[in-house]
């Protein structure tokens, strides 16, 4: 059995020292990630969708999450933000 004190480290999401889950996230960041997966319709990666909802009710769950927490991602970067960072001139690095 693992001592809970041994699993206290810096959260991968917020960098605060808290007890972590198996993905290295504190409870607050794990909930944010779960809501982001629901927003993105990544039903296979959402614990909430997997354990509590029938697949035909997934869109209702998504609407509830957006109504309560908003449509913006809380933890993961949007695809639009990722594309912006990658744009740039090739070979523009200084040697």
Protein backbone atom coordinates (compact mmCIF):
# COMPACT_ATOMS: atom_id res chain seq x y z
CA UNK A 1 0.00 0.00 0.00
CA UNK A 2 1.28 3.45 -0.95
CA UNK A 3 1.40 6.11 1.71
CA UNK A 4 -0.63 9.18 0.52
CA UNK A 5 2.15 11.47 1.73
CA UNK A 6 4.49 9.85 -0.81
CA UNK A 7 2.24 10.96 -3.69
CA UNK A 8 2.37 14.67 -2.79
CA UNK A 9 4.31 16.50 -5.46
CA UNK A 10 3.89 19.37 -7.90
CA UNK A 11 0.75 19.11 -10.02
CA UNK A 12 1.39 18.96 -13.77
CA UNK A 13 -1.48 21.41 -14.32
CA UNK A 14 -1.00 24.11 -11.70
CA UNK A 15 2.49 23.40 -10.24
CA UNK A 16 1.13 23.51 -6.68
CA UNK A 17 2.25 20.85 -4.22
CA UNK A 18 -0.78 18.66 -3.60
CA UNK A 19 -1.72 14.98 -3.55
CA UNK A 20 -1.77 13.74 -7.15
CA UNK A 21 -3.67 11.15 -9.13
CA UNK A 22 -2.11 8.63 -11.52
CA UNK A 23 -1.74 11.31 -14.25
CA UNK A 24 0.13 13.73 -11.99
CA UNK A 25 -2.84 16.07 -11.50
CA UNK A 26 -4.39 17.42 -8.32
CA UNK A 27 -8.14 16.94 -7.84
CA UNK A 28 -8.95 20.45 -9.09
CA UNK A 29 -6.90 20.10 -12.30
CA UNK A 30 -8.23 16.57 -12.90
CA UNK A 31 -11.77 17.99 -12.79
CA UNK A 32 -10.77 20.73 -15.25
CA UNK A 33 -9.27 18.15 -17.60
CA UNK A 34 -12.42 16.04 -17.38
CA UNK A 35 -14.57 19.06 -18.29
CA UNK A 36 -12.23 19.88 -21.18
CA UNK A 37 -12.59 16.34 -22.51
CA UNK A 38 -16.38 16.71 -22.33
CA UNK A 39 -16.22 20.06 -24.18
CA UNK A 40 -14.07 18.42 -26.86
CA UNK A 41 -16.46 15.44 -27.10
CA UNK A 42 -13.63 13.07 -26.16
CA UNK A 43 -16.07 10.79 -24.37
CA UNK A 44 -13.62 7.89 -24.08
CA UNK A 45 -11.26 10.05 -21.99
CA UNK A 46 -13.84 11.56 -19.62
CA UNK A 47 -14.34 9.71 -16.36
CA UNK A 48 -17.64 11.52 -15.80
CA UNK A 49 -19.03 10.44 -19.17
CA UNK A 50 -17.79 6.89 -18.72
CA UNK A 51 -19.17 6.27 -15.24
CA UNK A 52 -22.32 8.36 -15.07
CA UNK A 53 -23.90 8.83 -18.47
CA UNK A 54 -25.50 6.78 -21.16
CA UNK A 55 -23.87 7.49 -24.57
CA UNK A 56 -27.11 8.97 -25.89
CA UNK A 57 -26.96 11.62 -23.12
CA UNK A 58 -23.41 12.84 -23.87
CA UNK A 59 -24.53 16.00 -25.66
CA UNK A 60 -26.77 16.90 -22.72
CA UNK A 61 -23.77 16.48 -20.41
CA UNK A 62 -21.67 18.73 -22.69
CA UNK A 63 -24.38 21.40 -22.67
CA UNK A 64 -24.50 21.28 -18.84
CA UNK A 65 -20.73 21.68 -18.59
CA UNK A 66 -20.73 24.64 -20.99
CA UNK A 67 -23.67 26.26 -19.19
CA UNK A 68 -22.01 25.94 -15.78
CA UNK A 69 -18.31 26.49 -16.61
CA UNK A 70 -18.31 28.19 -20.03
CA UNK A 71 -17.17 27.04 -23.46
CA UNK A 72 -13.48 27.93 -23.05
CA UNK A 73 -10.98 25.21 -22.17
CA UNK A 74 -9.76 25.35 -18.58
CA UNK A 75 -6.62 23.23 -18.71
CA UNK A 76 -5.73 22.06 -22.20
CA UNK A 77 -4.60 24.39 -24.98
CA UNK A 78 -7.05 24.88 -27.82
CA UNK A 79 -5.99 23.71 -31.28
CA UNK A 80 -6.06 27.35 -32.43
CA UNK A 81 -3.46 28.32 -29.79
CA UNK A 82 -1.23 25.36 -30.66
CA UNK A 83 -1.19 26.30 -34.36
CA UNK A 84 -0.31 29.93 -33.56
CA UNK A 85 2.77 28.91 -31.57
CA UNK A 86 4.08 26.65 -34.31
CA UNK A 87 3.96 29.26 -37.05
CA UNK A 88 7.23 30.86 -37.88
CA UNK A 89 10.00 30.93 -40.41
CA UNK A 90 11.96 27.78 -40.85
CA UNK A 91 15.65 28.22 -40.25
CA UNK A 92 15.17 31.50 -38.40
CA UNK A 93 17.02 30.23 -35.35
CA UNK A 94 20.17 32.05 -34.48
CA UNK A 95 23.23 29.89 -34.43
